[in-house]
Structure formats: C-alpha cells, structure tokens
Amino acid sequence: MPNASFRRSVAPVAPPAMVEQLETRRLMSAEVVPQNIRVRHVSVDGVMINQSVLRIPTTEKVDIANADQIQVRGFAIDTLNPNLQKKIIVNVVDARVIEHNEGEYGIIEVTTDRMMRMGGQIFFYEGALTNRSDGSAVPEDLTVRAPKGLNKERFTMACRAFRPEDANFFHDTMYTEANAPIVADGTPSDAEVTAELTAFLDAKVAKGTLNPSRRDAALRLYNNPDNRIRIPNHNLRAAIASTRGTLSEEAVDVFLGTANVTGKPYTFIDFAPTSDAAVIADTSITSQNRLEMRIKPTFSGEHFAALSAILAHESLHQDRTFTIQEEVVANLVQDVVYAQQLDVDPAVASEGTSLVQVLNTQQVALINSGRSLFPVTGLLAGPILHGNRGVFPGGKLIPGGKYISYADYLTRQYESRGGTSGTSPGNATLDGYVARFADPQLPTPAPAGPFSDELITRLDATLYPVLTNALVIRTANTLRMSVA
C-alpha cells in the first residue's frame, strides 16, 4: 500500500490562471531579430527594377502605427571625394505587416526605393510600431542593420542617376551653363607629344595596365621611321600608341597592319577635310579597296588620349555601309576607351576643348544607363532614380523629350543627321572588342555578328568586365558628378 503521507507531499500544483499568463505577456515588447532579416531585390520579367523588399521578423506581433517613422539609411561612395562615404536616405515606398498564423512572432515588410545596401540601417523611431497584444508603443530603440544586400560599389551605382556638379566639363548643347568649348586646332610639337606620351605610358605601368616591355614597344611604335611616314602627324601617332592597354589595342594592327577587311595597312591617316556628314571623323574605302581615315583639322590640337577614343571608334568602320546601330556600337567602344584613358590621366577631362567636352557629355549618358544587369552600366534604359529627368540630370529640355538611355541619345543624334537604322556587316575587329567584354569565368562568347539591335542588347549585359563599377565611379569623380 502506498505511503499516504508521501502522496500528500507530492500533490500536483494547479496551473496559473490564464489571465496571469496574459498579463505576463503584456509586459513583453517586440524586438527585431536582425540575423533573420531577409533582403530580396525586386525584378520584373528577370530585370531588376531598383527596389528591395526587406522582411524583418519581430519577437512579438506588431502593428504599424506610423509608417513615416520607419526609415532606412545606407552608405555609398562619395563620388566627389572617393576616400569618404556618404550617408544616403533610402526612401521607404511601402511598409506593411505580414499576417501569418505560425507562432506569436511578427513580420514587417518594407519596400525601399533602391536596392538595399548590406549593413544598411533600419530605424523604427518612436511611434512607428505598437505591440498587437495590448496596443502599447514599441520603444524607439529598434535600430538594426540589414545582414544582406549590395556591396558599397554596387549600392553607389544603384543611387544613380549621377548628377554633374560643374557644367564646364560638358558641351553647351546639353548644359546651358557650360563654357564655350576651346577650339584646339593647333599642332603640338613632336618633343611635347613625345614627353607627354612617355609620361602617359609610364602612368599605365604604375597602374598595372601595361608592363615595362609593352610600354617600350608602344614607344618604339611611336618612333618607328616607317610609322612616321604612314602617320606623319605625331599627335595621331601618339594616339594610336596610347591605345595599348585599352579595350581597342587591336586598333594598332587595324591601322598599321593587316587586321582589317582589306588585309592591308591604311593608306591615309591624318587631319584633313571630311565628308559633310561627318562631325568629327570619317573612314572611307577607295576604289582600289584601301582604307583611309580623316579627322577634321579643328581637332588637331586635342589631347592624344581623347583622339585615341576617336581612333577606336573609326577602327570599326571598314566598309561602305553605315547604320545607326553600327554608330551606337562604335561610340560605345570609343567611350569605354575614353573612360580607360581618363583613368590614367584624369586631367584630360578638364581641358575644355571641343572634343573633350563632347566625350565628357557622352560619358554622362553612358554612366547613367544600363538595364540588363542593373545596377551595372550598360547601353539601355535602366531604373535609375529620378528617371523622369533622363540620363542628363540638370541638362537642357530637349525637343522630343528627355534622353532615356545612352543608346537613345546616340540614336536620336544620328537620326537628326539623316542616319539610317538597320543591320550592317560586322568584322573581325568587332569580334575582338566584343570578346574583351566577355566575363573570363564564362565560356568563350560567340562572334559578335553584324551590327544590329540584337548586338546592342547583348552588349548592354556584357560591359562589366571592362567598364567595371569601380571604373565608372572613378569616372564620375573625374567629371565631378555627385551621387543622389
């Protein structure tokens, strides 16, 4: 028989009343669980739209009392002073509570107006939230950081459009406040160009773009007696030599060797009158099936680094067919080369000459474009902030409406000059340039094919191995463009 006294000593304890449990819970207040925050960058049909959705779990269910008190911040590179970071207000475009029946925890969903920065701060200020259990205010000390998101460079790119802060870098056709361009039609001396080219190539060695042996080869190319006969103008000869270490270094063999559709060197490369249709330069093919290239004499005193971008452009024109699509791609190669050359000598951008202002202006459109891999730069219209201002924020009002992308800007320029839209034959030079845009970690790309809308779309997604985010941000700094 069991011991009765023992049984009495272990009598079960009655559970606490339900009201006591509720009162205990009411003393609790929601807290965010930062390590469980989820960040999703929003896309539509596979294309990013420059928004992020943050799913923020809380230890208790909450309600949003005042969405204006939910605020987000991130740090971007200050493009005007790249050694510093700039605190960015990331606007909240939507905030809601996600209802669920699993447990007592809560979920707040916040949508931001740009892609989220990893480590970005999320503030729930006083009055933002209330505890659902009793309606009491959640303390304002709920400040957490997003564990996922974009790195510093990509977040800076997501804060585009970058805005020019000094109109004098750009052409007055786009920026009213710009100074009239300087006409650089003089001819710098051979000694002056030689010294500048040597210093320029030395700077490429210092940056790791060239090794010493390739620098010496570029100088030999410049001084070669045969090349002096073929290209008597030393500024143009320096421009060709300076393409070493850029996207278009194959242009050397296009102009001076056999790497063009004729299989022979050009018979004429100089400053000379061009066709009426040309704005800066043109390329023609003679009745003897030889190529010739002319640049307007009004540009003879431009810096060879700027002229090298024009040579890169012209190296793609190797037949008698010219379409707007061909010109868009040729301008792209030109402007990527120019960005690479500015990375070596940023001072070129501030010379104020006609060609430099034109090239600087096109950089603005390129920097603020890109759709396929946003926030990476491309040719097509991307979801930049304040897109209603187009790719030239602060620029003139344009008949026909704002320019929405780099490709749109160029297409409309050539249309206004009577250009024809269509497909034109590609060439081995184009294949070589397109191959350089390819990600080395991916399979070797197919040949570029003809100049076409399809090629432009393809290039929109492939510029990043050469036109890197870091290079774009440095170019924005050179051109005194600020981040929003």
Protein backbone atom coordinates (compact mmCIF):
# COMPACT_ATOMS: atom_id res chain seq x y z
CA MET A 1 0.00 0.00 0.00
CA PRO A 2 1.43 3.37 -0.94
CA ASN A 3 2.52 5.67 1.79
CA ALA A 4 -0.30 8.23 2.18
CA SER A 5 1.88 10.93 3.65
CA PHE A 6 4.19 10.67 0.63
CA ARG A 7 1.27 11.03 -1.70
CA ARG A 8 0.11 14.11 0.10
CA SER A 9 3.56 15.66 -0.15
CA VAL A 10 3.62 15.45 -3.94
CA ALA A 11 0.14 16.68 -4.61
CA PRO A 12 0.02 18.37 -8.06
CA VAL A 13 0.27 22.16 -8.21
CA ALA A 14 -2.60 23.90 -10.02
CA PRO A 15 -1.61 25.73 -13.19
CA PRO A 16 -1.59 29.53 -13.02
CA ALA A 17 -4.75 31.21 -14.17
CA MET A 18 -4.98 32.16 -17.86
CA VAL A 19 -5.29 35.84 -17.01
CA GLU A 20 -1.92 35.70 -15.27
CA GLN A 21 -0.30 34.31 -18.43
CA LEU A 22 -1.80 37.08 -20.50
CA GLU A 23 -0.71 39.76 -18.06
CA THR A 24 2.82 38.37 -18.15
CA ARG A 25 2.89 38.59 -21.97
CA ARG A 26 1.61 42.12 -21.89
CA LEU A 27 4.74 43.15 -20.11
CA MET A 28 6.78 42.00 -23.12
CA SER A 29 7.58 44.30 -26.05
CA ALA A 30 8.53 43.33 -29.58
CA GLU A 31 12.16 43.26 -30.63
CA VAL A 32 13.64 42.79 -34.07
CA VAL A 33 15.61 39.63 -34.82
CA PRO A 34 18.33 41.15 -37.04
CA GLN A 35 20.07 37.94 -38.03
CA ASN A 36 16.82 36.71 -39.60
CA ILE A 37 16.19 39.76 -41.77
CA ARG A 38 15.70 38.77 -45.40
CA VAL A 39 16.52 41.06 -48.35
CA ARG A 40 15.06 40.46 -51.80
CA HIS A 41 15.93 42.65 -54.78
CA VAL A 42 12.83 43.07 -56.91
CA SER A 43 12.77 42.11 -60.58
CA VAL A 44 10.11 42.07 -63.27
CA ASP A 45 10.48 39.59 -66.11
CA GLY A 46 14.04 38.94 -64.93
CA VAL A 47 15.07 42.61 -64.97
CA MET A 48 15.85 44.47 -61.76
CA ILE A 49 13.65 47.49 -61.01
CA ASN A 50 15.90 49.04 -58.34
CA GLN A 51 13.82 48.19 -55.29
CA SER A 52 14.35 45.83 -52.39
CA VAL A 53 11.86 44.11 -50.10
CA LEU A 54 13.04 43.66 -46.50
CA ARG A 55 11.32 41.04 -44.36
CA ILE A 56 12.00 41.95 -40.77
CA PRO A 57 10.92 39.47 -38.07
CA THR A 58 9.92 40.62 -34.58
CA THR A 59 9.68 38.56 -31.41
CA GLU A 60 6.05 39.63 -30.90
CA LYS A 61 3.31 40.54 -33.32
CA VAL A 62 3.15 44.27 -34.04
CA ASP A 63 1.11 46.82 -35.95
CA ILE A 64 2.43 49.80 -37.89
CA ALA A 65 1.18 52.98 -36.27
CA ASN A 66 3.12 55.49 -38.40
CA ALA A 67 4.98 54.28 -41.47
CA ASP A 68 6.77 57.64 -41.78
CA GLN A 69 8.74 56.71 -38.67
CA ILE A 70 10.25 53.68 -40.41
CA GLN A 71 13.37 54.94 -42.13
CA VAL A 72 16.34 53.37 -43.90
CA ARG A 73 19.90 54.59 -44.46
CA GLY A 74 22.84 53.27 -46.42
CA PHE A 75 26.40 54.39 -47.10
CA ALA A 76 27.59 54.99 -50.68
CA ILE A 77 30.94 56.11 -52.05
CA ASP A 78 31.06 59.89 -52.18
CA THR A 79 31.84 60.32 -55.89
CA LEU A 80 33.09 63.85 -55.25
CA ASN A 81 35.53 62.52 -52.64
CA PRO A 82 36.00 58.76 -53.15
CA ASN A 83 38.04 58.40 -49.95
CA LEU A 84 34.86 59.13 -47.99
CA GLN A 85 31.44 57.55 -47.73
CA LYS A 86 28.17 59.44 -47.96
CA LYS A 87 25.10 58.64 -45.89
CA ILE A 88 22.15 58.10 -48.22
CA ILE A 89 18.47 58.40 -47.33
CA VAL A 90 16.83 55.27 -48.73
CA ASN A 91 13.16 56.10 -49.12
CA VAL A 92 10.51 53.66 -47.91
CA VAL A 93 7.85 53.29 -50.60
CA ASP A 94 5.75 50.74 -48.71
CA ALA A 95 5.60 49.26 -45.20
CA ARG A 96 3.16 46.63 -44.01
CA VAL A 97 2.68 43.82 -41.52
CA ILE A 98 2.63 40.32 -42.98
CA GLU A 99 -0.14 38.29 -41.38
CA HIS A 100 0.55 34.67 -40.54
CA ASN A 101 -0.70 32.03 -38.13
CA GLU A 102 2.61 30.47 -37.14
CA GLY A 103 3.53 31.22 -33.56
CA GLU A 104 3.46 34.61 -31.93
CA TYR A 105 6.27 36.29 -33.84
CA GLY A 106 5.61 39.14 -36.27
CA ILE A 107 6.90 40.10 -39.71
CA ILE A 108 7.26 43.64 -41.06
CA GLU A 109 7.75 44.01 -44.80
CA VAL A 110 9.46 47.20 -46.03
CA THR A 111 9.95 48.10 -49.70
CA THR A 112 12.73 50.60 -50.50
CA ASP A 113 13.13 52.93 -53.48
CA ARG A 114 16.51 51.45 -54.40
CA MET A 115 18.38 48.22 -53.88
CA MET A 116 19.41 47.71 -50.27
CA ARG A 117 22.93 48.19 -49.01
CA MET A 118 24.43 45.36 -47.00
CA GLY A 119 24.77 46.70 -43.47
CA GLY A 120 22.27 49.46 -44.19
CA GLN A 121 20.45 50.76 -41.12
CA ILE A 122 16.74 50.30 -40.49
CA PHE A 123 15.26 52.68 -37.93
CA PHE A 124 11.94 52.24 -36.13
CA TYR A 125 11.54 55.61 -34.48
CA GLU A 126 9.14 56.42 -31.67
CA GLY A 127 5.55 55.98 -32.78
CA ALA A 128 6.37 53.63 -35.66
CA LEU A 129 5.11 50.39 -34.09
CA THR A 130 2.72 49.18 -31.45
CA ASN A 131 2.52 45.80 -29.76
CA ARG A 132 -0.54 43.99 -31.08
CA SER A 133 -1.15 42.31 -27.74
CA ASP A 134 -2.17 45.48 -25.95
CA GLY A 135 -1.61 48.40 -28.32
CA SER A 136 1.32 49.74 -26.34
CA ALA A 137 4.07 51.61 -28.16
CA VAL A 138 7.21 49.70 -29.11
CA PRO A 139 10.30 51.51 -27.79
CA GLU A 140 12.21 53.53 -30.39
CA ASP A 141 15.47 51.68 -29.86
CA LEU A 142 14.70 49.16 -32.61
CA THR A 143 17.59 50.04 -34.89
CA VAL A 144 19.15 47.18 -36.84
CA ARG A 145 21.37 46.56 -39.85
CA ALA A 146 20.50 44.51 -42.90
CA PRO A 147 22.74 41.43 -42.99
CA LYS A 148 22.36 41.10 -46.77
CA GLY A 149 22.34 43.49 -49.71
CA LEU A 150 24.62 45.24 -52.18
CA ASN A 151 28.26 45.98 -51.52
CA LYS A 152 29.49 49.58 -51.40
CA GLU A 153 30.22 49.96 -55.12
CA ARG A 154 27.00 48.35 -56.33
CA PHE A 155 24.92 50.36 -53.87
CA THR A 156 26.57 53.54 -55.13
CA MET A 157 25.60 52.53 -58.67
CA ALA A 158 22.02 51.87 -57.51
CA CYS A 159 21.88 55.50 -56.35
CA ARG A 160 22.16 56.79 -59.92
CA ALA A 161 21.45 58.99 -61.81
CA PHE A 162 24.74 60.72 -61.05
CA ARG A 163 24.42 64.48 -61.50
CA PRO A 164 27.09 66.79 -62.96
CA GLU A 165 28.10 69.49 -60.49
CA ASP A 166 30.31 71.52 -62.86
CA ALA A 167 28.74 72.21 -66.25
CA ASN A 168 32.06 73.36 -67.69
CA PHE A 169 33.17 69.77 -68.19
CA PHE A 170 30.37 69.30 -70.72
CA HIS A 171 29.12 70.63 -74.02
CA ASP A 172 26.78 73.61 -74.12
CA THR A 173 24.38 71.73 -76.38
CA MET A 174 23.35 69.82 -73.26
CA TYR A 175 24.26 72.09 -70.33
CA THR A 176 23.33 75.76 -70.60
CA GLU A 177 25.90 76.94 -68.04
CA ALA A 178 28.83 75.32 -69.85
CA ASN A 179 31.66 77.47 -71.12
CA ALA A 180 32.03 77.70 -74.88
CA PRO A 181 34.44 74.96 -75.99
CA ILE A 182 38.03 75.79 -76.83
CA VAL A 183 38.89 75.08 -80.47
CA ALA A 184 42.12 73.08 -80.32
CA ASP A 185 43.29 73.37 -83.91
CA GLY A 186 46.98 73.93 -83.24
CA THR A 187 49.72 71.37 -83.66
CA PRO A 188 51.74 70.47 -80.56
CA SER A 189 55.43 69.91 -81.13
CA ASP A 190 56.96 66.49 -81.57
CA ALA A 191 59.03 66.95 -78.42
CA GLU A 192 55.99 67.98 -76.40
CA VAL A 193 53.93 65.00 -77.56
CA THR A 194 56.82 62.60 -77.02
CA ALA A 195 57.24 63.77 -73.43
CA GLU A 196 53.50 63.57 -72.72
CA LEU A 197 53.19 60.12 -74.29
CA THR A 198 56.14 58.81 -72.29
CA ALA A 199 54.64 60.09 -69.05
CA PHE A 200 51.24 58.69 -70.02
CA LEU A 201 52.62 55.22 -70.72
CA ASP A 202 54.67 55.34 -67.51
CA ALA A 203 51.42 56.03 -65.64
CA LYS A 204 49.92 52.91 -67.23
CA VAL A 205 52.84 50.89 -65.96
CA ALA A 206 52.35 52.34 -62.48
CA LYS A 207 48.65 51.36 -62.58
CA GLY A 208 49.47 47.87 -63.83
CA THR A 209 47.73 48.39 -67.18
CA LEU A 210 50.98 47.84 -69.06
CA ASN A 211 54.20 46.13 -68.14
CA PRO A 212 57.53 47.84 -68.92
CA SER A 213 58.18 45.79 -72.04
CA ARG A 214 54.81 46.69 -73.56
CA ARG A 215 55.38 50.35 -72.70
CA ASP A 216 58.71 50.22 -74.53
CA ALA A 217 57.01 48.56 -77.52
CA ALA A 218 54.43 51.36 -77.64
CA LEU A 219 57.19 53.97 -77.66
CA ARG A 220 59.01 52.09 -80.44
CA LEU A 221 55.77 52.09 -82.43
CA TYR A 222 55.52 55.85 -81.99
CA ASN A 223 59.14 56.45 -83.05
CA ASN A 224 59.29 53.86 -85.84
CA PRO A 225 60.53 55.54 -89.08
CA ASP A 226 58.00 53.68 -91.24
CA ASN A 227 55.15 54.71 -88.96
CA ARG A 228 56.34 58.30 -89.10
CA ILE A 229 55.87 58.14 -92.86
CA ARG A 230 52.49 56.43 -92.65
CA ILE A 231 51.23 58.79 -89.94
CA PRO A 232 53.28 61.99 -90.15
CA ASN A 233 51.21 63.77 -87.51
CA HIS A 234 52.87 62.88 -84.20
CA ASN A 235 49.72 63.64 -82.18
CA LEU A 236 47.78 60.99 -84.12
CA ARG A 237 50.70 58.59 -83.95
CA ALA A 238 50.77 59.05 -80.18
CA ALA A 239 47.02 58.43 -80.07
CA ILE A 240 47.49 55.06 -81.77
CA ALA A 241 50.39 54.12 -79.50
CA SER A 242 48.41 55.13 -76.40
CA THR A 243 45.67 52.59 -77.15
CA ARG A 244 47.96 49.90 -75.76
CA GLY A 245 46.38 48.64 -72.56
CA THR A 246 42.84 49.62 -73.57
CA LEU A 247 39.87 47.78 -75.00
CA SER A 248 40.93 48.86 -78.50
CA GLU A 249 44.61 48.00 -78.56
CA GLU A 250 43.93 45.84 -81.65
CA ALA A 251 43.39 49.15 -83.47
CA VAL A 252 47.16 49.38 -83.92
CA ASP A 253 47.09 46.40 -86.28
CA VAL A 254 43.87 47.61 -87.89
CA PHE A 255 45.51 50.87 -88.98
CA LEU A 256 49.15 49.86 -89.41
CA GLY A 257 48.90 46.14 -90.15
CA THR A 258 46.61 43.72 -91.91
CA ALA A 259 43.87 43.23 -89.27
CA ASN A 260 41.10 44.84 -91.34
CA VAL A 261 38.81 43.69 -94.13
CA THR A 262 41.26 44.78 -96.85
CA GLY A 263 44.19 42.88 -95.34
CA LYS A 264 46.43 45.92 -95.89
CA PRO A 265 47.51 48.98 -93.89
CA TYR A 266 45.56 52.20 -94.27
CA THR A 267 46.88 54.47 -96.99
CA PHE A 268 45.94 57.72 -95.23
CA ILE A 269 45.55 58.61 -91.53
CA ASP A 270 45.67 62.33 -90.85
CA PHE A 271 43.83 65.54 -90.07
CA ALA A 272 42.08 66.57 -93.26
CA PRO A 273 38.68 67.70 -94.56
CA THR A 274 35.99 65.05 -94.11
CA SER A 275 32.67 64.37 -95.75
CA ASP A 276 29.84 66.76 -94.97
CA ALA A 277 28.08 64.08 -92.91
CA ALA A 278 30.99 63.63 -90.51
CA VAL A 279 31.01 65.54 -87.23
CA ILE A 280 34.49 64.56 -86.05
CA ALA A 281 36.00 61.96 -88.37
CA ASP A 282 35.20 59.54 -91.16
CA THR A 283 36.57 56.42 -92.78
CA SER A 284 36.31 55.60 -96.48
CA ILE A 285 37.32 52.78 -98.74
CA THR A 286 38.93 53.66 -102.07
CA SER A 287 38.27 52.21 -105.49
CA GLN A 288 41.49 50.25 -105.01
CA ASN A 289 39.97 48.62 -101.90
CA ARG A 290 42.17 50.52 -99.44
CA LEU A 291 41.04 52.20 -96.25
CA GLU A 292 41.57 55.87 -95.37
CA MET A 293 40.74 57.75 -92.16
CA ARG A 294 40.41 61.53 -91.72
CA ILE A 295 39.81 63.67 -88.63
CA LYS A 296 38.68 67.27 -89.02
CA PRO A 297 41.63 69.71 -88.70
CA THR A 298 39.78 71.65 -85.98
CA PHE A 299 40.70 68.79 -83.63
CA SER A 300 44.41 68.61 -84.46
CA GLY A 301 45.48 70.05 -81.09
CA GLU A 302 43.29 67.82 -78.93
CA HIS A 303 45.00 65.59 -76.36
CA PHE A 304 46.10 62.29 -77.89
CA ALA A 305 44.15 60.38 -75.21
CA ALA A 306 40.91 61.94 -76.50
CA LEU A 307 41.96 61.29 -80.10
CA SER A 308 42.67 57.66 -79.24
CA ALA A 309 38.96 57.22 -78.43
CA ILE A 310 38.06 58.53 -81.90
CA LEU A 311 40.53 56.11 -83.49
CA ALA A 312 38.91 53.27 -81.54
CA HIS A 313 35.55 54.35 -82.97
CA GLU A 314 36.80 54.61 -86.54
CA SER A 315 38.59 51.25 -86.40
CA LEU A 316 35.17 49.55 -86.59
CA HIS A 317 34.16 51.25 -89.86
CA GLN A 318 35.72 49.11 -92.57
CA ASP A 319 33.21 49.10 -95.43
CA ARG A 320 30.77 51.38 -97.23
CA THR A 321 27.71 50.52 -95.12
CA PHE A 322 26.97 52.71 -92.10
CA THR A 323 23.87 52.27 -89.95
CA ILE A 324 22.76 53.88 -86.72
CA GLN A 325 23.28 50.54 -84.95
CA GLU A 326 26.89 50.46 -86.16
CA GLU A 327 27.42 54.00 -84.91
CA VAL A 328 25.96 53.19 -81.48
CA VAL A 329 28.40 50.29 -81.06
CA ALA A 330 31.34 52.32 -82.42
CA ASN A 331 30.54 55.13 -79.98
CA LEU A 332 30.37 52.61 -77.14
CA VAL A 333 33.88 51.35 -77.91
CA GLN A 334 35.03 54.98 -78.20
CA ASP A 335 33.56 55.96 -74.83
CA VAL A 336 34.81 52.90 -72.97
CA VAL A 337 38.32 53.60 -74.28
CA TYR A 338 37.98 57.24 -73.23
CA ALA A 339 36.98 56.19 -69.70
CA GLN A 340 40.04 53.92 -69.57
CA GLN A 341 42.30 56.74 -70.73
CA LEU A 342 40.82 59.19 -68.20
CA ASP A 343 41.62 56.62 -65.53
CA VAL A 344 45.28 57.08 -66.45
CA ASP A 345 45.22 60.89 -66.69
CA PRO A 346 42.04 62.48 -65.25
CA ALA A 347 43.36 65.96 -66.11
CA VAL A 348 42.43 65.39 -69.76
CA ALA A 349 38.74 65.73 -68.84
CA SER A 350 39.17 69.33 -67.69
CA GLU A 351 40.89 70.69 -70.82
CA GLY A 352 37.66 72.33 -72.01
CA THR A 353 38.30 71.63 -75.70
CA SER A 354 35.58 70.79 -78.21
CA LEU A 355 36.34 67.08 -78.46
CA VAL A 356 36.86 66.62 -74.73
CA GLN A 357 33.53 68.29 -73.96
CA VAL A 358 31.73 66.04 -76.43
CA LEU A 359 33.36 62.91 -74.99
CA ASN A 360 32.64 64.02 -71.42
CA THR A 361 28.99 64.60 -72.29
CA GLN A 362 28.61 61.13 -73.76
CA GLN A 363 30.13 59.70 -70.58
CA VAL A 364 27.21 61.13 -68.59
CA ALA A 365 24.72 59.24 -70.75
CA LEU A 366 26.74 56.02 -70.55
CA ILE A 367 27.30 56.21 -66.80
CA ASN A 368 23.55 56.64 -66.19
CA SER A 369 22.43 53.77 -68.45
CA GLY A 370 22.16 50.01 -68.10
CA ARG A 371 19.17 47.68 -67.86
CA SER A 372 20.10 44.01 -68.12
CA LEU A 373 22.36 43.73 -65.08
CA PHE A 374 21.29 46.81 -63.13
CA PRO A 375 22.94 48.45 -61.21
CA VAL A 376 25.79 47.68 -63.63
CA THR A 377 26.33 50.13 -66.50
CA GLY A 378 25.04 49.34 -69.98
CA LEU A 379 23.53 50.98 -73.07
CA LEU A 380 19.79 50.67 -72.46
CA ALA A 381 17.37 52.49 -70.16
CA GLY A 382 17.65 51.30 -66.57
CA PRO A 383 15.64 52.04 -63.41
CA ILE A 384 17.74 54.98 -62.31
CA LEU A 385 16.39 57.25 -59.57
CA HIS A 386 14.50 60.31 -60.76
CA GLY A 387 14.27 58.72 -64.18
CA ASN A 388 11.86 61.44 -65.24
CA ARG A 389 14.97 63.63 -65.64
CA GLY A 390 16.59 61.19 -68.06
CA VAL A 391 20.29 60.39 -68.28
CA PHE A 392 21.32 64.07 -68.29
CA PRO A 393 20.07 65.33 -64.91
CA GLY A 394 20.28 69.09 -64.79
CA GLY A 395 20.58 69.28 -68.57
CA LYS A 396 18.55 71.23 -71.09
CA LEU A 397 14.98 70.48 -72.02
CA ILE A 398 15.19 68.57 -75.27
CA PRO A 399 12.67 68.63 -78.14
CA GLY A 400 11.15 65.18 -78.33
CA GLY A 401 11.58 64.57 -74.61
CA LYS A 402 14.37 63.53 -72.29
CA TYR A 403 17.03 61.06 -73.38
CA ILE A 404 16.25 57.84 -71.53
CA SER A 405 19.50 55.97 -72.23
CA TYR A 406 22.89 56.09 -73.90
CA ALA A 407 21.50 54.20 -76.91
CA ASP A 408 18.53 56.57 -77.13
CA TYR A 409 20.81 59.62 -77.03
CA LEU A 410 23.05 58.36 -79.84
CA THR A 411 20.19 57.04 -81.95
CA ARG A 412 18.45 60.40 -81.91
CA GLN A 413 21.69 62.24 -82.71
CA TYR A 414 22.27 60.14 -85.82
CA GLU A 415 18.61 60.27 -86.83
CA SER A 416 18.81 64.08 -86.78
CA ARG A 417 21.74 63.86 -89.23
CA GLY A 418 19.86 61.59 -91.62
CA GLY A 419 21.27 58.28 -90.37
CA THR A 420 19.60 55.04 -91.40
CA SER A 421 18.53 52.35 -88.97
CA GLY A 422 19.34 48.77 -89.85
CA THR A 423 21.84 45.93 -89.73
CA SER A 424 25.32 46.30 -91.20
CA PRO A 425 28.15 43.79 -91.62
CA GLY A 426 30.42 43.10 -88.69
CA ASN A 427 34.13 42.37 -88.91
CA ALA A 428 36.95 40.70 -87.03
CA THR A 429 37.76 43.93 -85.18
CA LEU A 430 34.24 44.00 -83.75
CA ASP A 431 34.57 40.34 -82.73
CA GLY A 432 37.79 41.15 -80.90
CA TYR A 433 36.30 44.06 -78.98
CA VAL A 434 33.17 42.11 -78.02
CA ALA A 435 35.32 39.21 -76.83
CA ARG A 436 37.13 41.60 -74.48
CA PHE A 437 33.81 42.45 -72.83
CA ALA A 438 33.25 38.78 -72.04
CA ASP A 439 33.48 37.55 -68.47
CA PRO A 440 36.63 35.35 -68.36
CA GLN A 441 34.85 32.96 -65.99
CA LEU A 442 32.17 32.23 -68.59
CA PRO A 443 32.51 30.20 -71.81
CA THR A 444 34.03 31.94 -74.81
CA PRO A 445 31.27 34.04 -76.39
CA ALA A 446 30.03 33.62 -79.91
CA PRO A 447 31.31 36.07 -82.53
CA ALA A 448 29.64 39.45 -82.40
CA GLY A 449 27.90 39.02 -85.74
CA PRO A 450 26.61 42.08 -87.55
CA PHE A 451 25.98 45.50 -86.07
CA SER A 452 22.34 45.20 -85.01
CA ASP A 453 19.74 45.85 -82.32
CA GLU A 454 20.43 42.34 -81.05
CA LEU A 455 24.11 43.17 -80.59
CA ILE A 456 23.23 46.36 -78.69
CA THR A 457 21.00 44.36 -76.35
CA ARG A 458 23.77 41.79 -75.89
CA LEU A 459 26.34 44.46 -75.09
CA ASP A 460 24.01 46.01 -72.51
CA ALA A 461 24.64 42.90 -70.40
CA THR A 462 28.36 42.41 -71.03
CA LEU A 463 30.21 45.67 -70.37
CA TYR A 464 31.05 44.99 -66.73
CA PRO A 465 34.35 43.07 -67.21
CA VAL A 466 35.86 46.21 -68.80
CA LEU A 467 33.58 49.04 -67.68
CA THR A 468 33.63 47.97 -64.04
CA ASN A 469 31.63 49.62 -61.28
CA ALA A 470 34.89 50.91 -59.80
CA LEU A 471 35.92 52.48 -63.12
CA VAL A 472 32.50 54.11 -63.56
CA ILE A 473 32.68 55.61 -60.07
CA ARG A 474 36.19 56.92 -60.71
CA THR A 475 35.00 58.46 -63.98
CA ALA A 476 32.11 60.11 -62.14
CA ASN A 477 34.66 61.57 -59.74
CA THR A 478 36.80 62.85 -62.62
CA LEU A 479 33.76 64.53 -64.18
CA ARG A 480 32.57 65.92 -60.82
CA MET A 481 29.30 64.01 -60.79
CA SER A 482 27.54 63.55 -57.47
CA VAL A 483 25.58 60.60 -56.10
CA ALA A 484 21.97 61.18 -55.02
